[in-house]
PDB file of N, CA and C in Angstrom:
ATOM      1  N   MET A   1      80.743 103.173  96.634  1.00  0.00           N
ATOM      2  CA  MET A   1      81.317 104.813  96.797  1.00  0.00           C
ATOM      3  C   MET A   1      81.834 104.927  98.157  1.00  0.00           C
ATOM      4  N   LEU A   2      82.607 105.236  98.574  1.00  0.00           N
ATOM      5  CA  LEU A   2      83.169 105.482  99.857  1.00  0.00           C
ATOM      6  C   LEU A   2      82.338 106.862 100.667  1.00  0.00           C
ATOM      7  N   LEU A   3      82.206 106.853 101.694  1.00  0.00           N
ATOM      8  CA  LEU A   3      81.504 107.839 102.271  1.00  0.00           C
ATOM      9  C   LEU A   3      82.593 108.604 103.455  1.00  0.00           C
ATOM     10  N   ILE A   4      83.243 109.583 103.412  1.00  0.00           N
ATOM     11  CA  ILE A   4      84.319 110.007 104.290  1.00  0.00           C
ATOM     12  C   ILE A   4      83.809 111.320 104.727  1.00  0.00           C
ATOM     13  N   THR A   5      83.846 111.218 106.201  1.00  0.00           N
ATOM     14  CA  THR A   5      83.651 112.524 106.947  1.00  0.00           C
ATOM     15  C   THR A   5      84.620 113.356 107.358  1.00  0.00           C
ATOM     16  N   CYS A   6      84.342 114.656 106.539  1.00  0.00           N
ATOM     17  CA  CYS A   6      85.414 115.669 106.727  1.00  0.00           C
ATOM     18  C   CYS A   6      85.169 116.191 108.088  1.00  0.00           C
ATOM     19  N   PRO A   7      86.022 116.611 109.175  1.00  0.00           N
ATOM     20  CA  PRO A   7      85.446 117.128 110.374  1.00  0.00           C
ATOM     21  C   PRO A   7      84.987 118.470 110.302  1.00  0.00           C
ATOM     22  N   TRP A   8      84.918 119.180 108.933  1.00  0.00           N
ATOM     23  CA  TRP A   8      84.960 120.452 108.828  1.00  0.00           C
ATOM     24  C   TRP A   8      83.468 120.708 108.098  1.00  0.00           C
ATOM     25  N   CYS A   9      83.513 119.723 107.051  1.00  0.00           N
ATOM     26  CA  CYS A   9      82.449 119.821 105.752  1.00  0.00           C
ATOM     27  C   CYS A   9      81.485 118.914 106.129  1.00  0.00           C
ATOM     28  N   GLY A  10      81.396 117.836 106.912  1.00  0.00           N
ATOM     29  CA  GLY A  10      80.422 116.723 107.373  1.00  0.00           C
ATOM     30  C   GLY A  10      81.079 115.476 106.174  1.00  0.00           C
ATOM     31  N   PRO A  11      79.984 114.464 106.238  1.00  0.00           N
ATOM     32  CA  PRO A  11      80.144 113.516 105.062  1.00  0.00           C
ATOM     33  C   PRO A  11      80.124 113.825 103.752  1.00  0.00           C
ATOM     34  N   ARG A  12      80.869 113.164 102.818  1.00  0.00           N
ATOM     35  CA  ARG A  12      81.099 113.666 101.607  1.00  0.00           C
ATOM     36  C   ARG A  12      81.673 112.343 100.938  1.00  0.00           C
ATOM     37  N   ALA A  13      81.096 112.348  99.662  1.00  0.00           N
ATOM     38  CA  ALA A  13      81.556 111.090  98.545  1.00  0.00           C
ATOM     39  C   ALA A  13      83.146 111.216  98.509  1.00  0.00           C
ATOM     40  N   HIS A  14      83.800 110.256  98.587  1.00  0.00           N
ATOM     41  CA  HIS A  14      85.044 110.087  98.309  1.00  0.00           C
ATOM     42  C   HIS A  14      85.696 110.897  96.963  1.00  0.00           C
ATOM     43  N   ILE A  15      84.879 111.045  95.949  1.00  0.00           N
ATOM     44  CA  ILE A  15      85.409 111.651  94.928  1.00  0.00           C
ATOM     45  C   ILE A  15      86.022 113.207  95.013  1.00  0.00           C
ATOM     46  N   GLU A  16      85.262 113.508  96.306  1.00  0.00           N
ATOM     47  CA  GLU A  16      85.670 115.011  96.721  1.00  0.00           C
ATOM     48  C   GLU A  16      87.067 115.070  97.357  1.00  0.00           C
ATOM     49  N   PHE A  17      87.740 113.774  97.360  1.00  0.00           N
ATOM     50  CA  PHE A  17      89.195 113.820  98.354  1.00  0.00           C
ATOM     51  C   PHE A  17      90.174 113.090  97.166  1.00  0.00           C
ATOM     52  N   THR A  18      91.158 113.410  97.870  1.00  0.00           N
ATOM     53  CA  THR A  18      92.419 113.172  96.833  1.00  0.00           C
ATOM     54  C   THR A  18      93.351 112.100  98.042  1.00  0.00           C
ATOM     55  N   TYR A  19      93.625 110.852  97.653  1.00  0.00           N
ATOM     56  CA  TYR A  19      94.115 109.919  98.642  1.00  0.00           C
ATOM     57  C   TYR A  19      95.914 110.526  98.812  1.00  0.00           C
ATOM     58  N   GLY A  20      96.245 110.546 100.154  1.00  0.00           N
ATOM     59  CA  GLY A  20      97.538 111.259 100.100  1.00  0.00           C
ATOM     60  C   GLY A  20      98.534 110.737 100.738  1.00  0.00           C
ATOM     61  N   GLY A  21      98.381 108.878 101.186  1.00  0.00           N
ATOM     62  CA  GLY A  21      99.453 107.878 101.481  1.00  0.00           C
ATOM     63  C   GLY A  21      99.187 107.373 102.905  1.00  0.00           C
ATOM     64  N   ASP A  22     100.170 106.712 103.594  1.00  0.00           N
ATOM     65  CA  ASP A  22     100.341 106.280 104.651  1.00  0.00           C
ATOM     66  C   ASP A  22     100.202 107.128 105.743  1.00  0.00           C
ATOM     67  N   ALA A  23      99.359 107.121 106.839  1.00  0.00           N
ATOM     68  CA  ALA A  23      99.468 108.196 107.855  1.00  0.00           C
ATOM     69  C   ALA A  23     100.401 107.528 109.115  1.00  0.00           C
ATOM     70  N   THR A  24     100.773 106.390 108.814  1.00  0.00           N
ATOM     71  CA  THR A  24     101.512 105.602 109.738  1.00  0.00           C
ATOM     72  C   THR A  24     103.053 105.949 109.763  1.00  0.00           C
ATOM     73  N   VAL A  25     103.417 106.457 108.381  1.00  0.00           N
ATOM     74  CA  VAL A  25     104.781 106.436 108.313  1.00  0.00           C
ATOM     75  C   VAL A  25     105.363 108.040 108.423  1.00  0.00           C
ATOM     76  N   ASP A  26     106.318 107.851 109.661  1.00  0.00           N
ATOM     77  CA  ASP A  26     106.903 109.170 109.833  1.00  0.00           C
ATOM     78  C   ASP A  26     108.180 109.685 109.071  1.00  0.00           C
ATOM     79  N   ARG A  27     108.140 111.068 108.875  1.00  0.00           N
ATOM     80  CA  ARG A  27     109.209 111.569 108.342  1.00  0.00           C
ATOM     81  C   ARG A  27     110.336 111.255 109.173  1.00  0.00           C
ATOM     82  N   PRO A  28     111.767 111.011 108.708  1.00  0.00           N
ATOM     83  CA  PRO A  28     113.137 111.048 109.447  1.00  0.00           C
ATOM     84  C   PRO A  28     112.963 112.726 110.312  1.00  0.00           C
ATOM     85  N   ALA A  29     113.406 112.505 111.676  1.00  0.00           N
ATOM     86  CA  ALA A  29     113.668 113.561 112.561  1.00  0.00           C
ATOM     87  C   ALA A  29     114.411 114.691 112.157  1.00  0.00           C
ATOM     88  N   ASP A  30     115.948 114.065 111.372  1.00  0.00           N
ATOM     89  CA  ASP A  30     116.825 114.715 110.982  1.00  0.00           C
ATOM     90  C   ASP A  30     117.279 114.209 109.366  1.00  0.00           C
ATOM     91  N   PRO A  31     116.747 114.695 108.382  1.00  0.00           N
ATOM     92  CA  PRO A  31     116.583 114.328 107.276  1.00  0.00           C
ATOM     93  C   PRO A  31     118.308 114.416 106.727  1.00  0.00           C
ATOM     94  N   ASP A  32     118.914 115.767 107.141  1.00  0.00           N
ATOM     95  CA  ASP A  32     120.230 115.513 106.662  1.00  0.00           C
ATOM     96  C   ASP A  32     121.148 113.969 107.236  1.00  0.00           C
ATOM     97  N   ALA A  33     120.816 113.752 108.131  1.00  0.00           N
ATOM     98  CA  ALA A  33     121.395 112.165 108.716  1.00  0.00           C
ATOM     99  C   ALA A  33     121.105 110.916 108.013  1.00  0.00           C
ATOM    100  N   VAL A  34     120.081 111.042 107.330  1.00  0.00           N
ATOM    101  CA  VAL A  34     119.543 110.075 106.471  1.00  0.00           C
ATOM    102  C   VAL A  34     120.157 109.572 104.960  1.00  0.00           C
ATOM    103  N   SER A  35     121.021 108.670 104.948  1.00  0.00           N
ATOM    104  CA  SER A  35     121.564 108.110 103.711  1.00  0.00           C
ATOM    105  C   SER A  35     120.311 108.054 102.587  1.00  0.00           C
ATOM    106  N   ALA A  36     120.956 108.250 101.238  1.00  0.00           N
ATOM    107  CA  ALA A  36     119.848 107.870 100.175  1.00  0.00           C
ATOM    108  C   ALA A  36     119.057 106.942 100.122  1.00  0.00           C
ATOM    109  N   GLU A  37     120.122 105.634 100.513  1.00  0.00           N
ATOM    110  CA  GLU A  37     119.269 104.412 100.651  1.00  0.00           C
ATOM    111  C   GLU A  37     118.117 104.580 101.659  1.00  0.00           C
ATOM    112  N   GLU A  38     118.317 105.062 102.748  1.00  0.00           N
ATOM    113  CA  GLU A  38     117.168 105.316 103.861  1.00  0.00           C
ATOM    114  C   GLU A  38     116.099 105.830 103.246  1.00  0.00           C
ATOM    115  N   TRP A  39     116.421 107.120 102.587  1.00  0.00           N
ATOM    116  CA  TRP A  39     115.661 107.944 102.059  1.00  0.00           C
ATOM    117  C   TRP A  39     114.634 107.078 100.720  1.00  0.00           C
ATOM    118  N   LEU A  40     115.546 106.540  99.874  1.00  0.00           N
ATOM    119  CA  LEU A  40     114.693 105.684  98.958  1.00  0.00           C
ATOM    120  C   LEU A  40     113.532 104.747  99.598  1.00  0.00           C
ATOM    121  N   ASP A  41     114.146 103.962 100.727  1.00  0.00           N
ATOM    122  CA  ASP A  41     113.037 103.227 101.277  1.00  0.00           C
ATOM    123  C   ASP A  41     111.942 104.121 102.118  1.00  0.00           C
ATOM    124  N   HIS A  42     112.178 104.945 102.540  1.00  0.00           N
ATOM    125  CA  HIS A  42     111.265 106.018 103.295  1.00  0.00           C
ATOM    126  C   HIS A  42     110.289 106.480 102.032  1.00  0.00           C
ATOM    127  N   VAL A  43     110.683 106.760 101.130  1.00  0.00           N
ATOM    128  CA  VAL A  43     109.704 107.324  99.933  1.00  0.00           C
ATOM    129  C   VAL A  43     108.945 106.035  99.409  1.00  0.00           C
ATOM    130  N   TYR A  44     109.529 105.083  98.819  1.00  0.00           N
ATOM    131  CA  TYR A  44     109.240 104.172  97.777  1.00  0.00           C
ATOM    132  C   TYR A  44     108.895 102.754  98.696  1.00  0.00           C
ATOM    133  N   ILE A  45     109.356 102.365  99.505  1.00  0.00           N
ATOM    134  CA  ILE A  45     108.907 101.028 100.294  1.00  0.00           C
ATOM    135  C   ILE A  45     107.964 100.965 101.213  1.00  0.00           C
ATOM    136  N   ARG A  46     106.886 100.395 101.036  1.00  0.00           N
ATOM    137  CA  ARG A  46     105.549 100.808 101.948  1.00  0.00           C
ATOM    138  C   ARG A  46     105.011  99.064 102.168  1.00  0.00           C
ATOM    139  N   ASP A  47     104.377  98.961 103.170  1.00  0.00           N
ATOM    140  CA  ASP A  47     103.785  97.680 103.618  1.00  0.00           C
ATOM    141  C   ASP A  47     102.266  98.107 102.498  1.00  0.00           C
ATOM    142  N   ASN A  48     101.538  96.604 102.398  1.00  0.00           N
ATOM    143  CA  ASN A  48     100.401  96.761 101.567  1.00  0.00           C
ATOM    144  C   ASN A  48      99.474  96.163 102.453  1.00  0.00           C
ATOM    145  N   PRO A  49      99.007  96.808 103.486  1.00  0.00           N
ATOM    146  CA  PRO A  49      98.259  96.192 104.721  1.00  0.00           C
ATOM    147  C   PRO A  49      96.682  95.859 104.149  1.00  0.00           C
ATOM    148  N   ARG A  50      96.406  94.503 104.996  1.00  0.00           N
ATOM    149  CA  ARG A  50      95.122  94.023 104.526  1.00  0.00           C
ATOM    150  C   ARG A  50      94.127  94.137 106.108  1.00  0.00           C
ATOM    151  N   GLY A  51      93.320  95.325 105.770  1.00  0.00           N
ATOM    152  CA  GLY A  51      92.359  95.558 107.066  1.00  0.00           C
ATOM    153  C   GLY A  51      92.607  97.035 107.691  1.00  0.00           C
ATOM    154  N   PRO A  52      91.944  97.631 108.430  1.00  0.00           N
ATOM    155  CA  PRO A  52      92.063  98.627 109.289  1.00  0.00           C
ATOM    156  C   PRO A  52      93.184  99.395 109.348  1.00  0.00           C
ATOM    157  N   HIS A  53      93.209 100.465 108.351  1.00  0.00           N
ATOM    158  CA  HIS A  53      94.782 101.113 108.200  1.00  0.00           C
ATOM    159  C   HIS A  53      94.375 102.683 108.176  1.00  0.00           C
ATOM    160  N   ASN A  54      95.619 103.759 108.947  1.00  0.00           N
ATOM    161  CA  ASN A  54      95.324 104.925 109.023  1.00  0.00           C
ATOM    162  C   ASN A  54      96.250 105.426 107.633  1.00  0.00           C
ATOM    163  N   GLU A  55      95.288 106.358 106.954  1.00  0.00           N
ATOM    164  CA  GLU A  55      95.655 107.211 105.795  1.00  0.00           C
ATOM    165  C   GLU A  55      95.390 108.383 105.597  1.00  0.00           C
ATOM    166  N   TRP A  56      96.138 109.328 104.983  1.00  0.00           N
ATOM    167  CA  TRP A  56      95.968 110.821 104.846  1.00  0.00           C
ATOM    168  C   TRP A  56      94.839 110.988 103.397  1.00  0.00           C
ATOM    169  N   TRP A  57      94.175 111.866 103.597  1.00  0.00           N
ATOM    170  CA  TRP A  57      93.164 112.236 102.744  1.00  0.00           C
ATOM    171  C   TRP A  57      93.175 113.556 102.668  1.00  0.00           C
ATOM    172  N   GLN A  58      93.003 114.305 101.426  1.00  0.00           N
ATOM    173  CA  GLN A  58      92.889 115.753 101.225  1.00  0.00           C
ATOM    174  C   GLN A  58      91.509 116.034 100.542  1.00  0.00           C
ATOM    175  N   HIS A  59      90.950 116.881 101.561  1.00  0.00           N
ATOM    176  CA  HIS A  59      89.615 117.267 100.737  1.00  0.00           C
ATOM    177  C   HIS A  59      89.286 118.592  99.609  1.00  0.00           C
ATOM    178  N   THR A  60      90.267 117.979  98.469  1.00  0.00           N
ATOM    179  CA  THR A  60      90.740 118.696  97.420  1.00  0.00           C
ATOM    180  C   THR A  60      89.303 119.301  96.664  1.00  0.00           C
ATOM    181  N   SER A  61      88.123 118.948  96.962  1.00  0.00           N
ATOM    182  CA  SER A  61      86.863 119.604  96.273  1.00  0.00           C
ATOM    183  C   SER A  61      86.009 120.361  97.425  1.00  0.00           C
ATOM    184  N   GLY A  62      86.554 120.309  98.421  1.00  0.00           N
ATOM    185  CA  GLY A  62      85.964 120.960  99.577  1.00  0.00           C
ATOM    186  C   GLY A  62      86.816 122.127 100.377  1.00  0.00           C
ATOM    187  N   CYS A  63      87.022 121.712 101.447  1.00  0.00           N
ATOM    188  CA  CYS A  63      87.960 122.726 102.400  1.00  0.00           C
ATOM    189  C   CYS A  63      89.107 122.720 102.230  1.00  0.00           C
ATOM    190  N   ARG A  64      89.694 121.752 101.382  1.00  0.00           N
ATOM    191  CA  ARG A  64      91.186 121.683 101.146  1.00  0.00           C
ATOM    192  C   ARG A  64      92.047 120.825 102.002  1.00  0.00           C
ATOM    193  N   SER A  65      91.153 120.678 103.240  1.00  0.00           N
ATOM    194  CA  SER A  65      92.158 120.468 104.456  1.00  0.00           C
ATOM    195  C   SER A  65      92.657 118.833 104.285  1.00  0.00           C
ATOM    196  N   TRP A  66      93.744 118.568 105.305  1.00  0.00           N
ATOM    197  CA  TRP A  66      93.957 117.379 105.138  1.00  0.00           C
ATOM    198  C   TRP A  66      93.458 116.374 106.181  1.00  0.00           C
ATOM    199  N   ILE A  67      93.107 115.230 106.326  1.00  0.00           N
ATOM    200  CA  ILE A  67      92.421 114.491 107.378  1.00  0.00           C
ATOM    201  C   ILE A  67      93.064 113.365 107.348  1.00  0.00           C
ATOM    202  N   LYS A  68      92.815 112.759 108.578  1.00  0.00           N
ATOM    203  CA  LYS A  68      93.448 111.303 108.640  1.00  0.00           C
ATOM    204  C   LYS A  68      91.953 110.321 108.763  1.00  0.00           C
ATOM    205  N   VAL A  69      92.329 109.090 107.843  1.00  0.00           N
ATOM    206  CA  VAL A  69      90.940 108.467 107.740  1.00  0.00           C
ATOM    207  C   VAL A  69      91.402 106.797 108.175  1.00  0.00           C
ATOM    208  N   LYS A  70      90.764 106.502 108.837  1.00  0.00           N
ATOM    209  CA  LYS A  70      90.837 104.806 109.217  1.00  0.00           C
ATOM    210  C   LYS A  70      90.022 104.164 108.145  1.00  0.00           C
ATOM    211  N   ARG A  71      90.603 103.433 107.156  1.00  0.00           N
ATOM    212  CA  ARG A  71      89.850 102.560 106.214  1.00  0.00           C
ATOM    213  C   ARG A  71      90.226 101.322 106.430  1.00  0.00           C
ATOM    214  N   ASP A  72      89.391 100.391 106.039  1.00  0.00           N
ATOM    215  CA  ASP A  72      89.585  98.928 105.912  1.00  0.00           C
ATOM    216  C   ASP A  72      90.111  98.808 104.523  1.00  0.00           C
ATOM    217  N   THR A  73      91.452  98.433 104.218  1.00  0.00           N
ATOM    218  CA  THR A  73      91.857  98.144 102.731  1.00  0.00           C
ATOM    219  C   THR A  73      91.241  96.997 101.871  1.00  0.00           C
ATOM    220  N   TRP A  74      90.791  95.918 103.046  1.00  0.00           N
ATOM    221  CA  TRP A  74      89.939  94.936 102.222  1.00  0.00           C
ATOM    222  C   TRP A  74      88.383  95.226 101.948  1.00  0.00           C
ATOM    223  N   THR A  75      87.980  95.779 102.722  1.00  0.00           N
ATOM    224  CA  THR A  75      86.620  96.137 102.503  1.00  0.00           C
ATOM    225  C   THR A  75      86.008  97.308 102.136  1.00  0.00           C
ATOM    226  N   HIS A  76      87.090  98.147 102.035  1.00  0.00           N
ATOM    227  CA  HIS A  76      86.933  99.731 101.927  1.00  0.00           C
ATOM    228  C   HIS A  76      85.951 100.565 103.008  1.00  0.00           C
ATOM    229  N   ARG A  77      85.429  99.624 104.087  1.00  0.00           N
ATOM    230  CA  ARG A  77      84.783 100.228 105.064  1.00  0.00           C
ATOM    231  C   ARG A  77      85.723 101.308 105.622  1.00  0.00           C
ATOM    232  N   VAL A  78      84.747 102.742 105.814  1.00  0.00           N
ATOM    233  CA  VAL A  78      85.755 103.785 106.778  1.00  0.00           C
ATOM    234  C   VAL A  78      85.081 103.722 107.947  1.00  0.00           C
ATOM    235  N   HIS A  79      86.366 103.517 108.853  1.00  0.00           N
ATOM    236  CA  HIS A  79      85.875 103.292 110.394  1.00  0.00           C
ATOM    237  C   HIS A  79      85.773 104.601 111.192  1.00  0.00           C
ATOM    238  N   GLY A  80      86.395 105.827 110.710  1.00  0.00           N
ATOM    239  CA  GLY A  80      86.751 106.852 111.516  1.00  0.00           C
ATOM    240  C   GLY A  80      87.330 107.943 110.747  1.00  0.00           C
ATOM    241  N   SER A  81      87.384 109.116 110.998  1.00  0.00           N
ATOM    242  CA  SER A  81      88.190 110.177 110.199  1.00  0.00           C
ATOM    243  C   SER A  81      88.284 111.227 111.288  1.00  0.00           C
ATOM    244  N   GLY A  82      89.365 112.251 111.231  1.00  0.00           N
ATOM    245  CA  GLY A  82      89.462 113.227 112.083  1.00  0.00           C
ATOM    246  C   GLY A  82      90.574 114.062 111.377  1.00  0.00           C
ATOM    247  N   PRO A  83      90.885 115.157 112.158  1.00  0.00           N
ATOM    248  CA  PRO A  83      91.902 116.329 111.894  1.00  0.00           C
ATOM    249  C   PRO A  83      93.192 115.436 111.913  1.00  0.00           C
ATOM    250  N   PRO A  84      94.185 115.964 111.505  1.00  0.00           N
ATOM    251  CA  PRO A  84      95.451 115.425 111.501  1.00  0.00           C
ATOM    252  C   PRO A  84      96.286 115.186 112.713  1.00  0.00           C
ATOM    253  N   GLY A  85      95.940 115.626 113.755  1.00  0.00           N
ATOM    254  CA  GLY A  85      96.312 115.023 115.331  1.00  0.00           C
ATOM    255  C   GLY A  85      95.585 114.153 115.811  1.00  0.00           C
ATOM    256  N   SER A  86      94.482 113.535 115.053  1.00  0.00           N
ATOM    257  CA  SER A  86      93.513 112.398 115.491  1.00  0.00           C
ATOM    258  C   SER A  86      94.001 111.243 115.953  1.00  0.00           C
ATOM    259  N   ASP A  87      93.732 110.563 117.172  1.00  0.00           N
ATOM    260  CA  ASP A  87      94.187 109.257 117.352  1.00  0.00           C
ATOM    261  C   ASP A  87      92.883 108.358 116.984  1.00  0.00           C
ATOM    262  N   LEU A  88      93.052 107.701 115.633  1.00  0.00           N
ATOM    263  CA  LEU A  88      92.168 106.815 115.385  1.00  0.00           C
ATOM    264  C   LEU A  88      92.362 105.552 115.753  1.00  0.00           C
ATOM    265  N   GLY A  89      93.320 105.255 116.696  1.00  0.00           N
ATOM    266  CA  GLY A  89      93.563 103.776 116.989  1.00  0.00           C
ATOM    267  C   GLY A  89      94.989 103.549 116.302  1.00  0.00           C
ATOM    268  N   GLU A  90      95.622 102.327 116.654  1.00  0.00           N
ATOM    269  CA  GLU A  90      96.512 101.676 116.046  1.00  0.00           C
ATOM    270  C   GLU A  90      95.883 100.609 114.853  1.00  0.00           C
ATOM    271  N   ASP A  91      96.695 100.573 113.731  1.00  0.00           N
ATOM    272  CA  ASP A  91      96.553  99.776 112.472  1.00  0.00           C
ATOM    273  C   ASP A  91      96.375  98.125 113.258  1.00  0.00           C
ATOM    274  N   GLU A  92      95.316  97.474 112.807  1.00  0.00           N
ATOM    275  CA  GLU A  92      95.091  96.215 113.149  1.00  0.00           C
ATOM    276  C   GLU A  92      96.133  95.274 113.013  1.00  0.00           C
ATOM    277  N   HIS A  93      96.979  95.551 111.664  1.00  0.00           N
ATOM    278  CA  HIS A  93      97.772  94.374 111.111  1.00  0.00           C
ATOM    279  C   HIS A  93      99.079  94.593 111.600  1.00  0.00           C
ATOM    280  N   ARG A  94      99.236  95.547 112.394  1.00  0.00           N
ATOM    281  CA  ARG A  94     100.908  95.776 113.061  1.00  0.00           C
ATOM    282  C   ARG A  94     100.891  95.124 114.116  1.00  0.00           C
TER     283      ARG A  94
END
């Protein structure tokens, strides 16, 4: 079981959360200027990192807030978490 600390509710079991994706990928600044092929890459093409990685999680069974979590994808150890604007450090694999 993963133990994820919600900044507002405190430590909780991971079953209270829903994984939301890679927190290192930014949405294009001007979506109208992006081609269909670039959108396809943005939505579906992702790295599969091994090691500490920043991710989005939603506390769906709690306060329903989105949080940023640094989780090791190899060991599943949670290295930290915080509100969406948190600086949890760079991914070590990049």
